Amino acid sequence: MAAKIAPTVTFEFEFVNVDGEEDIRELTMRSARLIPNEVFRQSRGNSTEATWLLLEWGMDADTLAWWDSIPNSVNMDPLMAAWQKASEVDIPKSEVSSEQ
């Protein structure tokens, strides 16, 4: 019998806030181990679309509202890496994103 997967994971994310200061936020997101295939199917071949669909799937409304409020210059890669690490999984990359 497979081990039960935790429905959420919590991790810290470091970023530069709207005041230009370094900040740390504790985030709780749905475990990346539970991402439905539909998310990947809907965004195949478009890594940007895939990233947004993944974040929208993984974040609750409050976390997504926070994400929408931080500067666009914040790099998503460290967030995605921290989420995957906390979930103990590697999110598959599309052929397009792996070529870039």
PDB file of N, CA and C in Angstrom:
ATOM      1  N   MET A   1       0.838  -1.178   0.000  1.00  0.00           N
ATOM      2  CA  MET A   1       0.000   0.000   0.000  1.00  0.00           C
ATOM      3  C   MET A   1       0.884   1.242   0.000  1.00  0.00           C
ATOM      4  N   ALA A   2       0.586   2.172  -0.868  1.00  0.00           N
ATOM      5  CA  ALA A   2       1.373   3.398  -0.982  1.00  0.00           C
ATOM      6  C   ALA A   2       1.144   4.295   0.230  1.00  0.00           C
ATOM      7  N   ALA A   3       2.191   5.028   0.580  1.00  0.00           N
ATOM      8  CA  ALA A   3       2.082   5.969   1.693  1.00  0.00           C
ATOM      9  C   ALA A   3       1.145   7.112   1.315  1.00  0.00           C
ATOM     10  N   LYS A   4       0.427   7.603   2.297  1.00  0.00           N
ATOM     11  CA  LYS A   4      -0.493   8.714   2.061  1.00  0.00           C
ATOM     12  C   LYS A   4       0.308   9.984   1.784  1.00  0.00           C
ATOM     13  N   ILE A   5      -0.145  10.756   0.821  1.00  0.00           N
ATOM     14  CA  ILE A   5       0.508  12.014   0.459  1.00  0.00           C
ATOM     15  C   ILE A   5      -0.188  13.144   1.200  1.00  0.00           C
ATOM     16  N   ALA A   6       0.602  13.984   1.864  1.00  0.00           N
ATOM     17  CA  ALA A   6       0.030  15.137   2.565  1.00  0.00           C
ATOM     18  C   ALA A   6      -0.661  16.048   1.551  1.00  0.00           C
ATOM     19  N   PRO A   7      -1.853  16.553   1.857  1.00  0.00           N
ATOM     20  CA  PRO A   7      -2.573  17.388   0.896  1.00  0.00           C
ATOM     21  C   PRO A   7      -1.939  18.761   0.681  1.00  0.00           C
ATOM     22  N   THR A   8      -1.202  19.254   1.685  1.00  0.00           N
ATOM     23  CA  THR A   8      -0.543  20.555   1.550  1.00  0.00           C
ATOM     24  C   THR A   8       0.892  20.467   2.041  1.00  0.00           C
ATOM     25  N   VAL A   9       1.691  21.421   1.602  1.00  0.00           N
ATOM     26  CA  VAL A   9       3.071  21.557   2.064  1.00  0.00           C
ATOM     27  C   VAL A   9       3.290  23.015   2.450  1.00  0.00           C
ATOM     28  N   THR A  10       4.179  23.241   3.403  1.00  0.00           N
ATOM     29  CA  THR A  10       4.493  24.595   3.853  1.00  0.00           C
ATOM     30  C   THR A  10       5.990  24.806   3.705  1.00  0.00           C
ATOM     31  N   PHE A  11       6.363  25.977   3.205  1.00  0.00           N
ATOM     32  CA  PHE A  11       7.770  26.292   2.978  1.00  0.00           C
ATOM     33  C   PHE A  11       7.958  27.802   3.000  1.00  0.00           C
ATOM     34  N   GLU A  12       9.212  28.240   3.117  1.00  0.00           N
ATOM     35  CA  GLU A  12       9.522  29.671   3.100  1.00  0.00           C
ATOM     36  C   GLU A  12       9.959  30.082   1.706  1.00  0.00           C
ATOM     37  N   PHE A  13       9.554  31.289   1.323  1.00  0.00           N
ATOM     38  CA  PHE A  13       9.905  31.848   0.018  1.00  0.00           C
ATOM     39  C   PHE A  13      10.514  33.224   0.239  1.00  0.00           C
ATOM     40  N   GLU A  14      11.749  33.412  -0.252  1.00  0.00           N
ATOM     41  CA  GLU A  14      12.435  34.699  -0.142  1.00  0.00           C
ATOM     42  C   GLU A  14      12.219  35.486  -1.423  1.00  0.00           C
ATOM     43  N   PHE A  15      11.917  36.781  -1.290  1.00  0.00           N
ATOM     44  CA  PHE A  15      11.645  37.623  -2.450  1.00  0.00           C
ATOM     45  C   PHE A  15      11.906  39.079  -2.088  1.00  0.00           C
ATOM     46  N   VAL A  16      11.897  39.945  -3.091  1.00  0.00           N
ATOM     47  CA  VAL A  16      12.019  41.389  -2.877  1.00  0.00           C
ATOM     48  C   VAL A  16      10.620  41.972  -2.976  1.00  0.00           C
ATOM     49  N   ASN A  17      10.178  42.650  -1.908  1.00  0.00           N
ATOM     50  CA  ASN A  17       8.810  43.160  -1.868  1.00  0.00           C
ATOM     51  C   ASN A  17       8.657  44.481  -2.635  1.00  0.00           C
ATOM     52  N   VAL A  18       7.453  45.046  -2.604  1.00  0.00           N
ATOM     53  CA  VAL A  18       7.161  46.265  -3.376  1.00  0.00           C
ATOM     54  C   VAL A  18       7.957  47.466  -2.892  1.00  0.00           C
ATOM     55  N   ASP A  19       8.509  47.399  -1.680  1.00  0.00           N
ATOM     56  CA  ASP A  19       9.344  48.480  -1.161  1.00  0.00           C
ATOM     57  C   ASP A  19      10.813  48.277  -1.512  1.00  0.00           C
ATOM     58  N   GLY A  20      11.111  47.219  -2.283  1.00  0.00           N
ATOM     59  CA  GLY A  20      12.480  46.934  -2.680  1.00  0.00           C
ATOM     60  C   GLY A  20      13.297  46.265  -1.588  1.00  0.00           C
ATOM     61  N   GLU A  21      12.639  45.776  -0.557  1.00  0.00           N
ATOM     62  CA  GLU A  21      13.328  45.143   0.561  1.00  0.00           C
ATOM     63  C   GLU A  21      13.205  43.621   0.473  1.00  0.00           C
ATOM     64  N   GLU A  22      14.253  42.940   0.949  1.00  0.00           N
ATOM     65  CA  GLU A  22      14.189  41.484   0.994  1.00  0.00           C
ATOM     66  C   GLU A  22      13.158  41.066   2.029  1.00  0.00           C
ATOM     67  N   ASP A  23      12.406  40.050   1.716  1.00  0.00           N
ATOM     68  CA  ASP A  23      11.318  39.600   2.577  1.00  0.00           C
ATOM     69  C   ASP A  23      11.242  38.078   2.514  1.00  0.00           C
ATOM     70  N   ILE A  24      10.643  37.484   3.509  1.00  0.00           N
ATOM     71  CA  ILE A  24      10.419  36.039   3.543  1.00  0.00           C
ATOM     72  C   ILE A  24       8.954  35.819   3.891  1.00  0.00           C
ATOM     73  N   ARG A  25       8.327  34.922   3.170  1.00  0.00           N
ATOM     74  CA  ARG A  25       6.920  34.594   3.446  1.00  0.00           C
ATOM     75  C   ARG A  25       6.786  33.079   3.562  1.00  0.00           C
ATOM     76  N   GLU A  26       6.069  32.654   4.575  1.00  0.00           N
ATOM     77  CA  GLU A  26       5.763  31.237   4.707  1.00  0.00           C
ATOM     78  C   GLU A  26       4.521  30.955   3.873  1.00  0.00           C
ATOM     79  N   LEU A  27       4.645  30.024   2.950  1.00  0.00           N
ATOM     80  CA  LEU A  27       3.542  29.683   2.057  1.00  0.00           C
ATOM     81  C   LEU A  27       3.064  28.265   2.322  1.00  0.00           C
ATOM     82  N   THR A  28       1.776  28.076   2.234  1.00  0.00           N
ATOM     83  CA  THR A  28       1.189  26.744   2.265  1.00  0.00           C
ATOM     84  C   THR A  28       0.469  26.557   0.945  1.00  0.00           C
ATOM     85  N   MET A  29       0.853  25.510   0.226  1.00  0.00           N
ATOM     86  CA  MET A  29       0.259  25.218  -1.075  1.00  0.00           C
ATOM     87  C   MET A  29      -0.141  23.750  -1.127  1.00  0.00           C
ATOM     88  N   ARG A  30      -1.019  23.432  -2.057  1.00  0.00           N
ATOM     89  CA  ARG A  30      -1.368  22.032  -2.274  1.00  0.00           C
ATOM     90  C   ARG A  30      -0.102  21.295  -2.705  1.00  0.00           C
ATOM     91  N   SER A  31       0.050  20.072  -2.269  1.00  0.00           N
ATOM     92  CA  SER A  31       1.238  19.302  -2.614  1.00  0.00           C
ATOM     93  C   SER A  31       1.345  19.125  -4.126  1.00  0.00           C
ATOM     94  N   ALA A  32       2.538  19.388  -4.648  1.00  0.00           N
ATOM     95  CA  ALA A  32       2.775  19.223  -6.084  1.00  0.00           C
ATOM     96  C   ALA A  32       2.675  17.753  -6.500  1.00  0.00           C
ATOM     97  N   ARG A  33       2.704  16.843  -5.544  1.00  0.00           N
ATOM     98  CA  ARG A  33       2.524  15.418  -5.862  1.00  0.00           C
ATOM     99  C   ARG A  33       1.097  15.118  -6.313  1.00  0.00           C
ATOM    100  N   LEU A  34       0.181  16.043  -6.052  1.00  0.00           N
ATOM    101  CA  LEU A  34      -1.233  15.818  -6.346  1.00  0.00           C
ATOM    102  C   LEU A  34      -1.724  16.560  -7.586  1.00  0.00           C
ATOM    103  N   ILE A  35      -0.811  17.165  -8.340  1.00  0.00           N
ATOM    104  CA  ILE A  35      -1.210  17.916  -9.534  1.00  0.00           C
ATOM    105  C   ILE A  35      -1.900  16.971 -10.515  1.00  0.00           C
ATOM    106  N   PRO A  36      -3.117  17.312 -10.931  1.00  0.00           N
ATOM    107  CA  PRO A  36      -3.815  16.443 -11.885  1.00  0.00           C
ATOM    108  C   PRO A  36      -3.219  16.551 -13.291  1.00  0.00           C
ATOM    109  N   ASN A  37      -3.277  15.478 -14.048  1.00  0.00           N
ATOM    110  CA  ASN A  37      -2.764  15.478 -15.423  1.00  0.00           C
ATOM    111  C   ASN A  37      -3.400  16.570 -16.267  1.00  0.00           C
ATOM    112  N   GLU A  38      -4.634  16.925 -15.959  1.00  0.00           N
ATOM    113  CA  GLU A  38      -5.346  17.953 -16.715  1.00  0.00           C
ATOM    114  C   GLU A  38      -4.548  19.258 -16.799  1.00  0.00           C
ATOM    115  N   VAL A  39      -3.860  19.625 -15.715  1.00  0.00           N
ATOM    116  CA  VAL A  39      -3.075  20.864 -15.709  1.00  0.00           C
ATOM    117  C   VAL A  39      -1.998  20.806 -16.784  1.00  0.00           C
ATOM    118  N   PHE A  40      -1.327  19.673 -16.906  1.00  0.00           N
ATOM    119  CA  PHE A  40      -0.276  19.531 -17.913  1.00  0.00           C
ATOM    120  C   PHE A  40      -0.865  19.443 -19.321  1.00  0.00           C
ATOM    121  N   ARG A  41      -1.973  18.742 -19.454  1.00  0.00           N
ATOM    122  CA  ARG A  41      -2.615  18.602 -20.762  1.00  0.00           C
ATOM    123  C   ARG A  41      -3.081  19.959 -21.281  1.00  0.00           C
ATOM    124  N   GLN A  42      -3.649  20.785 -20.421  1.00  0.00           N
ATOM    125  CA  GLN A  42      -4.171  22.079 -20.845  1.00  0.00           C
ATOM    126  C   GLN A  42      -3.075  23.043 -21.284  1.00  0.00           C
ATOM    127  N   SER A  43      -1.856  22.818 -20.841  1.00  0.00           N
ATOM    128  CA  SER A  43      -0.786  23.778 -21.121  1.00  0.00           C
ATOM    129  C   SER A  43       0.368  23.182 -21.916  1.00  0.00           C
ATOM    130  N   ARG A  44       0.167  22.023 -22.516  1.00  0.00           N
ATOM    131  CA  ARG A  44       1.279  21.372 -23.212  1.00  0.00           C
ATOM    132  C   ARG A  44       1.864  22.296 -24.279  1.00  0.00           C
ATOM    133  N   GLY A  45       3.199  22.338 -24.300  1.00  0.00           N
ATOM    134  CA  GLY A  45       3.899  23.150 -25.281  1.00  0.00           C
ATOM    135  C   GLY A  45       4.030  24.612 -24.908  1.00  0.00           C
ATOM    136  N   ASN A  46       3.486  25.042 -23.768  1.00  0.00           N
ATOM    137  CA  ASN A  46       3.561  26.447 -23.383  1.00  0.00           C
ATOM    138  C   ASN A  46       3.979  26.513 -21.920  1.00  0.00           C
ATOM    139  N   SER A  47       5.275  26.700 -21.674  1.00  0.00           N
ATOM    140  CA  SER A  47       5.788  26.648 -20.306  1.00  0.00           C
ATOM    141  C   SER A  47       5.271  27.791 -19.442  1.00  0.00           C
ATOM    142  N   THR A  48       5.038  28.968 -20.025  1.00  0.00           N
ATOM    143  CA  THR A  48       4.508  30.086 -19.244  1.00  0.00           C
ATOM    144  C   THR A  48       3.095  29.778 -18.773  1.00  0.00           C
ATOM    145  N   GLU A  49       2.267  29.303 -19.685  1.00  0.00           N
ATOM    146  CA  GLU A  49       0.896  28.929 -19.335  1.00  0.00           C
ATOM    147  C   GLU A  49       0.898  27.820 -18.286  1.00  0.00           C
ATOM    148  N   ALA A  50       1.799  26.860 -18.429  1.00  0.00           N
ATOM    149  CA  ALA A  50       1.883  25.760 -17.463  1.00  0.00           C
ATOM    150  C   ALA A  50       2.206  26.287 -16.070  1.00  0.00           C
ATOM    151  N   THR A  51       3.151  27.210 -15.977  1.00  0.00           N
ATOM    152  CA  THR A  51       3.528  27.762 -14.680  1.00  0.00           C
ATOM    153  C   THR A  51       2.343  28.441 -14.014  1.00  0.00           C
ATOM    154  N   TRP A  52       1.616  29.261 -14.772  1.00  0.00           N
ATOM    155  CA  TRP A  52       0.450  29.953 -14.197  1.00  0.00           C
ATOM    156  C   TRP A  52      -0.638  28.970 -13.791  1.00  0.00           C
ATOM    157  N   LEU A  53      -0.906  27.977 -14.604  1.00  0.00           N
ATOM    158  CA  LEU A  53      -1.916  26.981 -14.236  1.00  0.00           C
ATOM    159  C   LEU A  53      -1.508  26.227 -12.970  1.00  0.00           C
ATOM    160  N   LEU A  54      -0.226  25.913 -12.856  1.00  0.00           N
ATOM    161  CA  LEU A  54       0.259  25.218 -11.666  1.00  0.00           C
ATOM    162  C   LEU A  54       0.091  26.077 -10.414  1.00  0.00           C
ATOM    163  N   LEU A  55       0.471  27.360 -10.511  1.00  0.00           N
ATOM    164  CA  LEU A  55       0.330  28.245  -9.352  1.00  0.00           C
ATOM    165  C   LEU A  55      -1.133  28.424  -8.971  1.00  0.00           C
ATOM    166  N   GLU A  56      -1.984  28.627  -9.961  1.00  0.00           N
ATOM    167  CA  GLU A  56      -3.409  28.801  -9.676  1.00  0.00           C
ATOM    168  C   GLU A  56      -4.007  27.533  -9.064  1.00  0.00           C
ATOM    169  N   TRP A  57      -3.535  26.375  -9.483  1.00  0.00           N
ATOM    170  CA  TRP A  57      -4.009  25.120  -8.915  1.00  0.00           C
ATOM    171  C   TRP A  57      -3.494  24.956  -7.480  1.00  0.00           C
ATOM    172  N   GLY A  58      -2.234  25.293  -7.253  1.00  0.00           N
ATOM    173  CA  GLY A  58      -1.596  25.019  -5.969  1.00  0.00           C
ATOM    174  C   GLY A  58      -1.882  26.007  -4.858  1.00  0.00           C
ATOM    175  N   MET A  59      -2.208  27.245  -5.206  1.00  0.00           N
ATOM    176  CA  MET A  59      -2.409  28.286  -4.196  1.00  0.00           C
ATOM    177  C   MET A  59      -3.880  28.438  -3.836  1.00  0.00           C
ATOM    178  N   ASP A  60      -4.136  28.737  -2.561  1.00  0.00           N
ATOM    179  CA  ASP A  60      -5.501  29.088  -2.182  1.00  0.00           C
ATOM    180  C   ASP A  60      -5.737  30.551  -2.573  1.00  0.00           C
ATOM    181  N   ALA A  61      -6.950  31.031  -2.416  1.00  0.00           N
ATOM    182  CA  ALA A  61      -7.312  32.381  -2.871  1.00  0.00           C
ATOM    183  C   ALA A  61      -6.468  33.464  -2.200  1.00  0.00           C
ATOM    184  N   ASP A  62      -6.200  33.331  -0.898  1.00  0.00           N
ATOM    185  CA  ASP A  62      -5.408  34.345  -0.194  1.00  0.00           C
ATOM    186  C   ASP A  62      -3.965  34.367  -0.680  1.00  0.00           C
ATOM    187  N   THR A  63      -3.378  33.197  -0.878  1.00  0.00           N
ATOM    188  CA  THR A  63      -1.993  33.129  -1.354  1.00  0.00           C
ATOM    189  C   THR A  63      -1.892  33.650  -2.776  1.00  0.00           C
ATOM    190  N   LEU A  64      -2.859  33.323  -3.604  1.00  0.00           N
ATOM    191  CA  LEU A  64      -2.865  33.823  -4.978  1.00  0.00           C
ATOM    192  C   LEU A  64      -3.022  35.345  -4.997  1.00  0.00           C
ATOM    193  N   ALA A  65      -3.851  35.896  -4.128  1.00  0.00           N
ATOM    194  CA  ALA A  65      -4.006  37.357  -4.033  1.00  0.00           C
ATOM    195  C   ALA A  65      -2.687  37.993  -3.596  1.00  0.00           C
ATOM    196  N   TRP A  66      -1.975  37.351  -2.652  1.00  0.00           N
ATOM    197  CA  TRP A  66      -0.665  37.859  -2.240  1.00  0.00           C
ATOM    198  C   TRP A  66       0.287  37.832  -3.436  1.00  0.00           C
ATOM    199  N   TRP A  67       0.320  36.703  -4.158  1.00  0.00           N
ATOM    200  CA  TRP A  67       1.216  36.584  -5.309  1.00  0.00           C
ATOM    201  C   TRP A  67       0.928  37.683  -6.328  1.00  0.00           C
ATOM    202  N   ASP A  68      -0.337  37.970  -6.558  1.00  0.00           N
ATOM    203  CA  ASP A  68      -0.726  39.014  -7.509  1.00  0.00           C
ATOM    204  C   ASP A  68      -0.256  40.392  -7.067  1.00  0.00           C
ATOM    205  N   SER A  69      -0.019  40.581  -5.768  1.00  0.00           N
ATOM    206  CA  SER A  69       0.357  41.900  -5.251  1.00  0.00           C
ATOM    207  C   SER A  69       1.861  42.156  -5.237  1.00  0.00           C
ATOM    208  N   ILE A  70       2.679  41.123  -5.427  1.00  0.00           N
ATOM    209  CA  ILE A  70       4.129  41.339  -5.372  1.00  0.00           C
ATOM    210  C   ILE A  70       4.641  41.764  -6.747  1.00  0.00           C
ATOM    211  N   PRO A  71       5.828  42.376  -6.800  1.00  0.00           N
ATOM    212  CA  PRO A  71       6.339  42.884  -8.078  1.00  0.00           C
ATOM    213  C   PRO A  71       6.502  41.788  -9.136  1.00  0.00           C
ATOM    214  N   ASN A  72       6.230  42.153 -10.370  1.00  0.00           N
ATOM    215  CA  ASN A  72       6.383  41.234 -11.500  1.00  0.00           C
ATOM    216  C   ASN A  72       7.832  40.802 -11.683  1.00  0.00           C
ATOM    217  N   SER A  73       8.761  41.575 -11.146  1.00  0.00           N
ATOM    218  CA  SER A  73      10.180  41.244 -11.290  1.00  0.00           C
ATOM    219  C   SER A  73      10.592  40.046 -10.430  1.00  0.00           C
ATOM    220  N   VAL A  74       9.727  39.610  -9.518  1.00  0.00           N
ATOM    221  CA  VAL A  74      10.046  38.444  -8.686  1.00  0.00           C
ATOM    222  C   VAL A  74      10.100  37.208  -9.583  1.00  0.00           C
ATOM    223  N   ASN A  75      11.220  36.517  -9.512  1.00  0.00           N
ATOM    224  CA  ASN A  75      11.440  35.320 -10.322  1.00  0.00           C
ATOM    225  C   ASN A  75      10.622  34.157  -9.758  1.00  0.00           C
ATOM    226  N   MET A  76       9.846  33.502 -10.616  1.00  0.00           N
ATOM    227  CA  MET A  76       9.021  32.367 -10.188  1.00  0.00           C
ATOM    228  C   MET A  76       9.835  31.104  -9.946  1.00  0.00           C
ATOM    229  N   ASP A  77      11.014  31.002 -10.553  1.00  0.00           N
ATOM    230  CA  ASP A  77      11.791  29.760 -10.459  1.00  0.00           C
ATOM    231  C   ASP A  77      12.084  29.336  -9.019  1.00  0.00           C
ATOM    232  N   PRO A  78      12.537  30.263  -8.131  1.00  0.00           N
ATOM    233  CA  PRO A  78      12.777  29.832  -6.747  1.00  0.00           C
ATOM    234  C   PRO A  78      11.503  29.365  -6.037  1.00  0.00           C
ATOM    235  N   LEU A  79      10.368  29.987  -6.355  1.00  0.00           N
ATOM    236  CA  LEU A  79       9.100  29.547  -5.777  1.00  0.00           C
ATOM    237  C   LEU A  79       8.781  28.128  -6.234  1.00  0.00           C
ATOM    238  N   MET A  80       8.904  27.888  -7.542  1.00  0.00           N
ATOM    239  CA  MET A  80       8.613  26.561  -8.079  1.00  0.00           C
ATOM    240  C   MET A  80       9.564  25.518  -7.481  1.00  0.00           C
ATOM    241  N   ALA A  81      10.847  25.887  -7.335  1.00  0.00           N
ATOM    242  CA  ALA A  81      11.833  24.959  -6.772  1.00  0.00           C
ATOM    243  C   ALA A  81      11.518  24.641  -5.311  1.00  0.00           C
ATOM    244  N   ALA A  82      11.157  25.657  -4.534  1.00  0.00           N
ATOM    245  CA  ALA A  82      10.836  25.443  -3.118  1.00  0.00           C
ATOM    246  C   ALA A  82       9.578  24.593  -2.962  1.00  0.00           C
ATOM    247  N   TRP A  83       8.589  24.825  -3.821  1.00  0.00           N
ATOM    248  CA  TRP A  83       7.339  24.056  -3.785  1.00  0.00           C
ATOM    249  C   TRP A  83       7.614  22.584  -4.110  1.00  0.00           C
ATOM    250  N   GLN A  84       8.441  22.348  -5.140  1.00  0.00           N
ATOM    251  CA  GLN A  84       8.784  20.975  -5.512  1.00  0.00           C
ATOM    252  C   GLN A  84       9.572  20.282  -4.399  1.00  0.00           C
ATOM    253  N   LYS A  85      10.520  21.011  -3.810  1.00  0.00           N
ATOM    254  CA  LYS A  85      11.330  20.431  -2.735  1.00  0.00           C
ATOM    255  C   LYS A  85      10.446  20.061  -1.548  1.00  0.00           C
ATOM    256  N   ALA A  86       9.551  20.963  -1.155  1.00  0.00           N
ATOM    257  CA  ALA A  86       8.655  20.686  -0.027  1.00  0.00           C
ATOM    258  C   ALA A  86       7.729  19.511  -0.334  1.00  0.00           C
ATOM    259  N   SER A  87       7.361  19.376  -1.604  1.00  0.00           N
ATOM    260  CA  SER A  87       6.471  18.290  -2.034  1.00  0.00           C
ATOM    261  C   SER A  87       7.219  16.991  -2.310  1.00  0.00           C
ATOM    262  N   GLU A  88       8.551  17.065  -2.310  1.00  0.00           N
ATOM    263  CA  GLU A  88       9.411  15.919  -2.613  1.00  0.00           C
ATOM    264  C   GLU A  88       9.085  15.312  -3.969  1.00  0.00           C
ATOM    265  N   VAL A  89       9.012  16.189  -4.986  1.00  0.00           N
ATOM    266  CA  VAL A  89       8.690  15.749  -6.344  1.00  0.00           C
ATOM    267  C   VAL A  89       9.284  16.742  -7.341  1.00  0.00           C
ATOM    268  N   ASP A  90       9.573  16.258  -8.540  1.00  0.00           N
ATOM    269  CA  ASP A  90       9.977  17.132  -9.642  1.00  0.00           C
ATOM    270  C   ASP A  90       8.791  17.269 -10.578  1.00  0.00           C
ATOM    271  N   ILE A  91       8.376  18.507 -10.824  1.00  0.00           N
ATOM    272  CA  ILE A  91       7.279  18.749 -11.756  1.00  0.00           C
ATOM    273  C   ILE A  91       7.826  18.561 -13.164  1.00  0.00           C
ATOM    274  N   PRO A  92       7.165  17.745 -13.980  1.00  0.00           N
ATOM    275  CA  PRO A  92       7.657  17.516 -15.349  1.00  0.00           C
ATOM    276  C   PRO A  92       7.737  18.814 -16.143  1.00  0.00           C
ATOM    277  N   LYS A  93       8.768  18.922 -16.947  1.00  0.00           N
ATOM    278  CA  LYS A  93       8.933  20.079 -17.824  1.00  0.00           C
ATOM    279  C   LYS A  93       8.433  19.700 -19.209  1.00  0.00           C
ATOM    280  N   SER A  94       7.798  20.660 -19.874  1.00  0.00           N
ATOM    281  CA  SER A  94       7.371  20.405 -21.253  1.00  0.00           C
ATOM    282  C   SER A  94       8.596  20.436 -22.152  1.00  0.00           C
ATOM    283  N   GLU A  95       8.469  19.926 -23.345  1.00  0.00           N
ATOM    284  CA  GLU A  95       9.580  19.962 -24.292  1.00  0.00           C
ATOM    285  C   GLU A  95       9.999  21.390 -24.568  1.00  0.00           C
ATOM    286  N   VAL A  96       9.050  22.309 -24.623  1.00  0.00           N
ATOM    287  CA  VAL A  96       9.370  23.715 -24.878  1.00  0.00           C
ATOM    288  C   VAL A  96      10.192  24.277 -23.735  1.00  0.00           C
ATOM    289  N   SER A  97       9.750  24.077 -22.486  1.00  0.00           N
ATOM    290  CA  SER A  97      10.463  24.671 -21.363  1.00  0.00           C
ATOM    291  C   SER A  97      11.822  24.029 -21.160  1.00  0.00           C
ATOM    292  N   SER A  98      11.990  22.762 -21.490  1.00  0.00           N
ATOM    293  CA  SER A  98      13.282  22.118 -21.298  1.00  0.00           C
ATOM    294  C   SER A  98      14.286  22.525 -22.368  1.00  0.00           C
ATOM    295  N   GLU A  99      13.804  23.076 -23.483  1.00  0.00           N
ATOM    296  CA  GLU A  99      14.704  23.535 -24.539  1.00  0.00           C
ATOM    297  C   GLU A  99      15.196  24.945 -24.282  1.00  0.00           C
ATOM    298  N   GLN A 100      14.528  25.688 -23.412  1.00  0.00           N
ATOM    299  CA  GLN A 100      14.886  27.087 -23.179  1.00  0.00           C
ATOM    300  C   GLN A 100      15.998  27.206 -22.184  1.00  0.00           C
TER     301      GLN A 100
END
